[in-house]
């Protein structure tokens, strides 16, 4: 319990030849086998990619993924300007 919210943390040892979609798919299958119901995934920026987003869309799993800021101008860096959230 964290601030009166139930949180389950999953840890998976990742081999060099595994991609993030495979890691996520294995973790979700294991949670389902164990009877853990997942309302929403909170993923770090290592899972930010089109392949993961497409997999989550196909599976219908709600998720919140941290978005890394890449590059010098434009993209997500352009959204992170000023003192207010976008």
Protein backbone atom coordinates (compact mmCIF):
# COMPACT_ATOMS: atom_id res chain seq x y z
CA UNK A 1 0.00 0.00 0.00
CA UNK A 2 1.26 3.47 -0.93
CA UNK A 3 -0.86 6.46 0.08
CA UNK A 4 -3.85 4.13 0.50
CA UNK A 5 -3.36 2.74 -3.02
CA UNK A 6 -2.42 -0.84 -3.75
CA UNK A 7 0.72 -1.12 -5.91
CA UNK A 8 2.25 -4.28 -7.34
CA UNK A 9 5.80 -4.05 -8.61
CA UNK A 10 6.98 -6.54 -11.21
CA UNK A 11 10.67 -7.32 -11.65
CA UNK A 12 11.98 -9.23 -14.65
CA UNK A 13 15.59 -10.06 -15.51
CA UNK A 14 16.06 -8.89 -19.09
CA UNK A 15 18.44 -10.73 -21.39
CA UNK A 16 20.34 -8.76 -24.10
CA UNK A 17 18.37 -10.31 -26.97
CA UNK A 18 14.90 -9.56 -25.50
CA UNK A 19 12.92 -6.58 -26.76
CA UNK A 20 10.61 -4.50 -24.56
CA UNK A 21 7.41 -5.91 -26.09
CA UNK A 22 8.52 -9.46 -25.23
CA UNK A 23 9.39 -8.41 -21.66
CA UNK A 24 6.03 -6.69 -21.21
CA UNK A 25 4.10 -9.58 -22.75
CA UNK A 26 5.81 -12.11 -20.44
CA UNK A 27 5.15 -9.98 -17.37
CA UNK A 28 1.45 -9.59 -18.22
CA UNK A 29 1.07 -13.32 -18.91
CA UNK A 30 2.72 -14.16 -15.58
CA UNK A 31 0.47 -11.73 -13.70
CA UNK A 32 -2.59 -13.28 -15.34
CA UNK A 33 -1.44 -16.80 -14.36
CA UNK A 34 -1.00 -15.63 -10.78
CA UNK A 35 -4.48 -14.14 -10.75
CA UNK A 36 -3.31 -10.54 -10.45
CA UNK A 37 -5.76 -8.10 -12.02
CA UNK A 38 -4.08 -5.07 -13.53
CA UNK A 39 -6.19 -1.94 -13.76
CA UNK A 40 -3.44 0.25 -15.24
CA UNK A 41 0.24 -0.08 -16.02
CA UNK A 42 2.73 2.61 -15.00
CA UNK A 43 5.81 2.11 -17.18
CA UNK A 44 9.12 3.96 -17.13
CA UNK A 45 10.67 5.63 -20.17
CA UNK A 46 12.42 2.42 -21.21
CA UNK A 47 9.04 1.24 -22.54
CA UNK A 48 8.39 4.41 -24.58
CA UNK A 49 8.23 3.20 -28.17
CA UNK A 50 5.81 2.52 -30.97
CA UNK A 51 6.04 -1.27 -30.65
CA UNK A 52 4.99 -1.18 -26.98
CA UNK A 53 2.20 1.33 -27.67
CA UNK A 54 0.85 -0.82 -30.50
CA UNK A 55 0.97 -3.94 -28.30
CA UNK A 56 -0.89 -2.19 -25.47
CA UNK A 57 -3.51 -0.86 -27.91
CA UNK A 58 -4.07 -4.33 -29.38
CA UNK A 59 -4.35 -5.90 -25.93
CA UNK A 60 -6.64 -3.15 -24.59
CA UNK A 61 -4.46 -2.65 -21.51
CA UNK A 62 -4.59 0.90 -20.07
CA UNK A 63 -1.12 2.30 -19.41
CA UNK A 64 0.75 5.45 -18.47
CA UNK A 65 4.22 5.59 -20.03
CA UNK A 66 6.91 8.15 -19.16
CA UNK A 67 8.06 10.01 -22.26
CA UNK A 68 11.79 10.76 -22.63
CA UNK A 69 12.91 14.10 -24.05
CA UNK A 70 15.14 13.53 -27.08
CA UNK A 71 16.84 15.96 -29.43
CA UNK A 72 17.63 19.65 -29.15
CA UNK A 73 14.42 21.23 -30.49
CA UNK A 74 10.86 20.24 -31.36
CA UNK A 75 9.01 17.10 -30.32
CA UNK A 76 8.45 16.58 -26.61
CA UNK A 77 11.11 19.18 -25.73
CA UNK A 78 8.94 21.87 -27.36
CA UNK A 79 6.03 20.84 -25.11
CA UNK A 80 8.14 21.21 -21.95
CA UNK A 81 8.62 24.97 -22.06
CA UNK A 82 7.52 27.55 -19.53
CA UNK A 83 6.50 27.18 -15.91
CA UNK A 84 3.13 25.45 -16.44
CA UNK A 85 2.29 21.95 -17.53
CA UNK A 86 1.07 21.39 -21.08
